[in-house]
Amino acid sequence: MHQYHLADRVRIDIPDETDANFEYHGEHGMVLSRQDGIYKVALDEYDIVIEVSSREVRPPLFDDDS
């Protein structure tokens, strides 16, 4: 399992439609913190920060440098 660090870019991966954060599935953001397997992620397209488990973050689909 990949561990992400402060300011890493990530993609939210929540395929379970019953999950409270499902609406953010596929969104990209930046890691603000990580503690006990929970990441706080500031989403790019929303003015919010969500908490997701380490199983719900993936590498981004695109690179900002491209």
PDB file of N, CA and C in Angstrom:
ATOM      1  N   MET A   1       0.838  -1.176   0.000  1.00  0.00           N
ATOM      2  CA  MET A   1       0.000   0.000   0.000  1.00  0.00           C
ATOM      3  C   MET A   1       0.887   1.245   0.000  1.00  0.00           C
ATOM      4  N   HIS A   2       0.609   2.145  -0.909  1.00  0.00           N
ATOM      5  CA  HIS A   2       1.376   3.380  -1.033  1.00  0.00           C
ATOM      6  C   HIS A   2       0.995   4.345   0.084  1.00  0.00           C
ATOM      7  N   GLN A   3       1.987   4.997   0.667  1.00  0.00           N
ATOM      8  CA  GLN A   3       1.700   6.029   1.669  1.00  0.00           C
ATOM      9  C   GLN A   3       1.956   7.387   1.038  1.00  0.00           C
ATOM     10  N   TYR A   4       1.042   8.279   1.245  1.00  0.00           N
ATOM     11  CA  TYR A   4       1.154   9.633   0.711  1.00  0.00           C
ATOM     12  C   TYR A   4       1.575  10.564   1.835  1.00  0.00           C
ATOM     13  N   HIS A   5       2.178  11.670   1.446  1.00  0.00           N
ATOM     14  CA  HIS A   5       2.726  12.614   2.413  1.00  0.00           C
ATOM     15  C   HIS A   5       2.112  13.994   2.208  1.00  0.00           C
ATOM     16  N   LEU A   6       2.384  14.877   3.128  1.00  0.00           N
ATOM     17  CA  LEU A   6       1.898  16.248   3.075  1.00  0.00           C
ATOM     18  C   LEU A   6       2.148  16.852   1.695  1.00  0.00           C
ATOM     19  N   ALA A   7       1.126  17.420   1.112  1.00  0.00           N
ATOM     20  CA  ALA A   7       1.152  18.120  -0.177  1.00  0.00           C
ATOM     21  C   ALA A   7       1.189  17.188  -1.394  1.00  0.00           C
ATOM     22  N   ASP A   8       1.151  15.869  -1.190  1.00  0.00           N
ATOM     23  CA  ASP A   8       1.066  14.952  -2.331  1.00  0.00           C
ATOM     24  C   ASP A   8      -0.286  15.112  -3.018  1.00  0.00           C
ATOM     25  N   ARG A   9      -0.288  14.975  -4.333  1.00  0.00           N
ATOM     26  CA  ARG A   9      -1.529  14.977  -5.109  1.00  0.00           C
ATOM     27  C   ARG A   9      -2.107  13.569  -5.110  1.00  0.00           C
ATOM     28  N   VAL A  10      -3.408  13.461  -4.895  1.00  0.00           N
ATOM     29  CA  VAL A  10      -4.072  12.160  -4.864  1.00  0.00           C
ATOM     30  C   VAL A  10      -5.416  12.231  -5.585  1.00  0.00           C
ATOM     31  N   ARG A  11      -5.934  11.047  -5.877  1.00  0.00           N
ATOM     32  CA  ARG A  11      -7.275  10.903  -6.452  1.00  0.00           C
ATOM     33  C   ARG A  11      -8.110  10.114  -5.454  1.00  0.00           C
ATOM     34  N   ILE A  12      -9.336  10.520  -5.247  1.00  0.00           N
ATOM     35  CA  ILE A  12     -10.238   9.837  -4.329  1.00  0.00           C
ATOM     36  C   ILE A  12     -10.879   8.656  -5.063  1.00  0.00           C
ATOM     37  N   ASP A  13     -10.841   7.488  -4.439  1.00  0.00           N
ATOM     38  CA  ASP A  13     -11.392   6.270  -5.039  1.00  0.00           C
ATOM     39  C   ASP A  13     -12.365   5.628  -4.048  1.00  0.00           C
ATOM     40  N   ILE A  14     -13.654   5.972  -4.178  1.00  0.00           N
ATOM     41  CA  ILE A  14     -14.698   5.447  -3.301  1.00  0.00           C
ATOM     42  C   ILE A  14     -15.779   4.831  -4.185  1.00  0.00           C
ATOM     43  N   PRO A  15     -15.640   3.566  -4.558  1.00  0.00           N
ATOM     44  CA  PRO A  15     -16.612   2.947  -5.459  1.00  0.00           C
ATOM     45  C   PRO A  15     -17.941   2.580  -4.792  1.00  0.00           C
ATOM     46  N   ASP A  16     -17.993   2.566  -3.467  1.00  0.00           N
ATOM     47  CA  ASP A  16     -19.214   2.189  -2.746  1.00  0.00           C
ATOM     48  C   ASP A  16     -20.205   3.346  -2.755  1.00  0.00           C
ATOM     49  N   GLU A  17     -21.292   3.183  -3.503  1.00  0.00           N
ATOM     50  CA  GLU A  17     -22.291   4.244  -3.641  1.00  0.00           C
ATOM     51  C   GLU A  17     -22.985   4.589  -2.331  1.00  0.00           C
ATOM     52  N   THR A  18     -22.916   3.719  -1.327  1.00  0.00           N
ATOM     53  CA  THR A  18     -23.555   4.006  -0.043  1.00  0.00           C
ATOM     54  C   THR A  18     -22.644   4.783   0.901  1.00  0.00           C
ATOM     55  N   ASP A  19     -21.377   4.968   0.537  1.00  0.00           N
ATOM     56  CA  ASP A  19     -20.432   5.717   1.356  1.00  0.00           C
ATOM     57  C   ASP A  19     -20.819   7.188   1.359  1.00  0.00           C
ATOM     58  N   ALA A  20     -20.739   7.825   2.506  1.00  0.00           N
ATOM     59  CA  ALA A  20     -21.111   9.240   2.639  1.00  0.00           C
ATOM     60  C   ALA A  20     -20.292  10.157   1.730  1.00  0.00           C
ATOM     61  N   ASN A  21     -19.065   9.773   1.398  1.00  0.00           N
ATOM     62  CA  ASN A  21     -18.200  10.594   0.542  1.00  0.00           C
ATOM     63  C   ASN A  21     -18.192  10.144  -0.919  1.00  0.00           C
ATOM     64  N   PHE A  22     -19.115   9.253  -1.301  1.00  0.00           N
ATOM     65  CA  PHE A  22     -19.132   8.730  -2.663  1.00  0.00           C
ATOM     66  C   PHE A  22     -19.183   9.836  -3.719  1.00  0.00           C
ATOM     67  N   GLU A  23     -19.853  10.927  -3.429  1.00  0.00           N
ATOM     68  CA  GLU A  23     -19.975  12.005  -4.420  1.00  0.00           C
ATOM     69  C   GLU A  23     -18.614  12.565  -4.849  1.00  0.00           C
ATOM     70  N   TYR A  24     -17.576  12.300  -4.072  1.00  0.00           N
ATOM     71  CA  TYR A  24     -16.239  12.804  -4.389  1.00  0.00           C
ATOM     72  C   TYR A  24     -15.373  11.758  -5.104  1.00  0.00           C
ATOM     73  N   HIS A  25     -15.950  10.593  -5.410  1.00  0.00           N
ATOM     74  CA  HIS A  25     -15.225   9.543  -6.128  1.00  0.00           C
ATOM     75  C   HIS A  25     -14.666  10.106  -7.444  1.00  0.00           C
ATOM     76  N   GLY A  26     -13.386   9.911  -7.655  1.00  0.00           N
ATOM     77  CA  GLY A  26     -12.738  10.380  -8.880  1.00  0.00           C
ATOM     78  C   GLY A  26     -12.177  11.787  -8.802  1.00  0.00           C
ATOM     79  N   GLU A  27     -12.484  12.502  -7.735  1.00  0.00           N
ATOM     80  CA  GLU A  27     -11.956  13.869  -7.591  1.00  0.00           C
ATOM     81  C   GLU A  27     -10.481  13.828  -7.188  1.00  0.00           C
ATOM     82  N   HIS A  28      -9.784  14.911  -7.486  1.00  0.00           N
ATOM     83  CA  HIS A  28      -8.371  15.041  -7.137  1.00  0.00           C
ATOM     84  C   HIS A  28      -8.211  16.096  -6.048  1.00  0.00           C
ATOM     85  N   GLY A  29      -7.131  15.960  -5.290  1.00  0.00           N
ATOM     86  CA  GLY A  29      -6.863  16.927  -4.248  1.00  0.00           C
ATOM     87  C   GLY A  29      -5.453  16.793  -3.716  1.00  0.00           C
ATOM     88  N   MET A  30      -5.205  17.493  -2.606  1.00  0.00           N
ATOM     89  CA  MET A  30      -3.881  17.524  -1.995  1.00  0.00           C
ATOM     90  C   MET A  30      -3.977  17.048  -0.551  1.00  0.00           C
ATOM     91  N   VAL A  31      -3.045  16.198  -0.165  1.00  0.00           N
ATOM     92  CA  VAL A  31      -3.003  15.683   1.201  1.00  0.00           C
ATOM     93  C   VAL A  31      -2.597  16.810   2.149  1.00  0.00           C
ATOM     94  N   LEU A  32      -3.435  17.010   3.170  1.00  0.00           N
ATOM     95  CA  LEU A  32      -3.129  18.008   4.201  1.00  0.00           C
ATOM     96  C   LEU A  32      -2.513  17.359   5.436  1.00  0.00           C
ATOM     97  N   SER A  33      -2.944  16.119   5.719  1.00  0.00           N
ATOM     98  CA  SER A  33      -2.381  15.394   6.857  1.00  0.00           C
ATOM     99  C   SER A  33      -2.746  13.920   6.753  1.00  0.00           C
ATOM    100  N   ARG A  34      -2.029  13.127   7.540  1.00  0.00           N
ATOM    101  CA  ARG A  34      -2.313  11.694   7.624  1.00  0.00           C
ATOM    102  C   ARG A  34      -2.061  11.254   9.053  1.00  0.00           C
ATOM    103  N   GLN A  35      -3.059  10.573   9.612  1.00  0.00           N
ATOM    104  CA  GLN A  35      -2.898  10.060  10.973  1.00  0.00           C
ATOM    105  C   GLN A  35      -3.732   8.793  11.123  1.00  0.00           C
ATOM    106  N   ASP A  36      -3.116   7.743  11.612  1.00  0.00           N
ATOM    107  CA  ASP A  36      -3.808   6.475  11.877  1.00  0.00           C
ATOM    108  C   ASP A  36      -4.588   5.967  10.670  1.00  0.00           C
ATOM    109  N   GLY A  37      -4.006   6.068   9.476  1.00  0.00           N
ATOM    110  CA  GLY A  37      -4.645   5.542   8.278  1.00  0.00           C
ATOM    111  C   GLY A  37      -5.749   6.408   7.708  1.00  0.00           C
ATOM    112  N   ILE A  38      -5.907   7.618   8.236  1.00  0.00           N
ATOM    113  CA  ILE A  38      -6.910   8.554   7.730  1.00  0.00           C
ATOM    114  C   ILE A  38      -6.196   9.761   7.125  1.00  0.00           C
ATOM    115  N   TYR A  39      -6.571  10.083   5.896  1.00  0.00           N
ATOM    116  CA  TYR A  39      -6.008  11.244   5.210  1.00  0.00           C
ATOM    117  C   TYR A  39      -7.017  12.381   5.207  1.00  0.00           C
ATOM    118  N   LYS A  40      -6.544  13.581   5.433  1.00  0.00           N
ATOM    119  CA  LYS A  40      -7.349  14.775   5.199  1.00  0.00           C
ATOM    120  C   LYS A  40      -6.896  15.315   3.847  1.00  0.00           C
ATOM    121  N   VAL A  41      -7.866  15.471   2.928  1.00  0.00           N
ATOM    122  CA  VAL A  41      -7.559  15.868   1.562  1.00  0.00           C
ATOM    123  C   VAL A  41      -8.370  17.110   1.201  1.00  0.00           C
ATOM    124  N   ALA A  42      -7.675  18.152   0.734  1.00  0.00           N
ATOM    125  CA  ALA A  42      -8.335  19.353   0.214  1.00  0.00           C
ATOM    126  C   ALA A  42      -8.630  19.100  -1.253  1.00  0.00           C
ATOM    127  N   LEU A  43      -9.901  19.076  -1.610  1.00  0.00           N
ATOM    128  CA  LEU A  43     -10.296  18.766  -2.980  1.00  0.00           C
ATOM    129  C   LEU A  43     -10.127  19.966  -3.899  1.00  0.00           C
ATOM    130  N   ASP A  44      -9.699  19.700  -5.133  1.00  0.00           N
ATOM    131  CA  ASP A  44      -9.458  20.761  -6.108  1.00  0.00           C
ATOM    132  C   ASP A  44     -10.737  21.488  -6.508  1.00  0.00           C
ATOM    133  N   GLU A  45     -11.788  20.753  -6.786  1.00  0.00           N
ATOM    134  CA  GLU A  45     -13.004  21.319  -7.364  1.00  0.00           C
ATOM    135  C   GLU A  45     -14.030  21.754  -6.330  1.00  0.00           C
ATOM    136  N   TYR A  46     -13.735  21.553  -5.068  1.00  0.00           N
ATOM    137  CA  TYR A  46     -14.655  21.909  -3.993  1.00  0.00           C
ATOM    138  C   TYR A  46     -13.883  22.700  -2.948  1.00  0.00           C
ATOM    139  N   ASP A  47     -14.567  23.554  -2.249  1.00  0.00           N
ATOM    140  CA  ASP A  47     -13.923  24.332  -1.197  1.00  0.00           C
ATOM    141  C   ASP A  47     -14.092  23.608   0.135  1.00  0.00           C
ATOM    142  N   ILE A  48     -13.675  22.331   0.149  1.00  0.00           N
ATOM    143  CA  ILE A  48     -13.819  21.528   1.360  1.00  0.00           C
ATOM    144  C   ILE A  48     -12.609  20.628   1.549  1.00  0.00           C
ATOM    145  N   VAL A  49     -12.526  20.111   2.771  1.00  0.00           N
ATOM    146  CA  VAL A  49     -11.537  19.098   3.127  1.00  0.00           C
ATOM    147  C   VAL A  49     -12.331  17.877   3.568  1.00  0.00           C
ATOM    148  N   ILE A  50     -11.978  16.711   3.021  1.00  0.00           N
ATOM    149  CA  ILE A  50     -12.641  15.479   3.442  1.00  0.00           C
ATOM    150  C   ILE A  50     -11.631  14.559   4.090  1.00  0.00           C
ATOM    151  N   GLU A  51     -12.147  13.643   4.909  1.00  0.00           N
ATOM    152  CA  GLU A  51     -11.326  12.610   5.520  1.00  0.00           C
ATOM    153  C   GLU A  51     -11.661  11.291   4.851  1.00  0.00           C
ATOM    154  N   VAL A  52     -10.628  10.591   4.407  1.00  0.00           N
ATOM    155  CA  VAL A  52     -10.800   9.300   3.755  1.00  0.00           C
ATOM    156  C   VAL A  52      -9.766   8.324   4.290  1.00  0.00           C
ATOM    157  N   SER A  53     -10.090   7.044   4.202  1.00  0.00           N
ATOM    158  CA  SER A  53      -9.147   6.027   4.670  1.00  0.00           C
ATOM    159  C   SER A  53      -8.021   5.852   3.648  1.00  0.00           C
ATOM    160  N   SER A  54      -6.970   5.210   4.085  1.00  0.00           N
ATOM    161  CA  SER A  54      -5.829   4.982   3.195  1.00  0.00           C
ATOM    162  C   SER A  54      -6.221   4.113   2.001  1.00  0.00           C
ATOM    163  N   ARG A  55      -7.281   3.315   2.123  1.00  0.00           N
ATOM    164  CA  ARG A  55      -7.763   2.479   1.020  1.00  0.00           C
ATOM    165  C   ARG A  55      -8.499   3.300  -0.033  1.00  0.00           C
ATOM    166  N   GLU A  56      -8.811   4.541   0.259  1.00  0.00           N
ATOM    167  CA  GLU A  56      -9.622   5.370  -0.634  1.00  0.00           C
ATOM    168  C   GLU A  56      -8.833   6.459  -1.357  1.00  0.00           C
ATOM    169  N   VAL A  57      -7.514   6.353  -1.350  1.00  0.00           N
ATOM    170  CA  VAL A  57      -6.687   7.312  -2.092  1.00  0.00           C
ATOM    171  C   VAL A  57      -5.794   6.562  -3.069  1.00  0.00           C
ATOM    172  N   ARG A  58      -5.606   7.162  -4.228  1.00  0.00           N
ATOM    173  CA  ARG A  58      -4.809   6.587  -5.307  1.00  0.00           C
ATOM    174  C   ARG A  58      -3.939   7.689  -5.908  1.00  0.00           C
ATOM    175  N   PRO A  59      -2.975   7.305  -6.724  1.00  0.00           N
ATOM    176  CA  PRO A  59      -2.211   8.331  -7.453  1.00  0.00           C
ATOM    177  C   PRO A  59      -3.140   9.101  -8.390  1.00  0.00           C
ATOM    178  N   PRO A  60      -2.820  10.358  -8.662  1.00  0.00           N
ATOM    179  CA  PRO A  60      -3.658  11.144  -9.570  1.00  0.00           C
ATOM    180  C   PRO A  60      -3.620  10.583 -10.992  1.00  0.00           C
ATOM    181  N   LEU A  61      -4.688  10.858 -11.753  1.00  0.00           N
ATOM    182  CA  LEU A  61      -4.750  10.395 -13.141  1.00  0.00           C
ATOM    183  C   LEU A  61      -3.921  11.258 -14.063  1.00  0.00           C
ATOM    184  N   PHE A  62      -3.607  12.461 -13.624  1.00  0.00           N
ATOM    185  CA  PHE A  62      -2.822  13.369 -14.458  1.00  0.00           C
ATOM    186  C   PHE A  62      -1.777  14.034 -13.587  1.00  0.00           C
ATOM    187  N   ASP A  63      -0.754  14.560 -14.236  1.00  0.00           N
ATOM    188  CA  ASP A  63       0.338  15.234 -13.557  1.00  0.00           C
ATOM    189  C   ASP A  63       0.213  16.720 -13.815  1.00  0.00           C
ATOM    190  N   ASP A  64       0.329  17.540 -12.774  1.00  0.00           N
ATOM    191  CA  ASP A  64       0.226  18.995 -12.933  1.00  0.00           C
ATOM    192  C   ASP A  64       1.277  19.567 -13.868  1.00  0.00           C
ATOM    193  N   ASP A  65       2.385  18.850 -14.044  1.00  0.00           N
ATOM    194  CA  ASP A  65       3.480  19.356 -14.871  1.00  0.00           C
ATOM    195  C   ASP A  65       3.254  19.105 -16.369  1.00  0.00           C
ATOM    196  N   SER A  66       2.191  18.369 -16.719  1.00  0.00           N
ATOM    197  CA  SER A  66       1.982  18.037 -18.123  1.00  0.00           C
ATOM    198  C   SER A  66       1.212  19.111 -18.843  1.00  0.00           C
TER     199      SER A  66
END
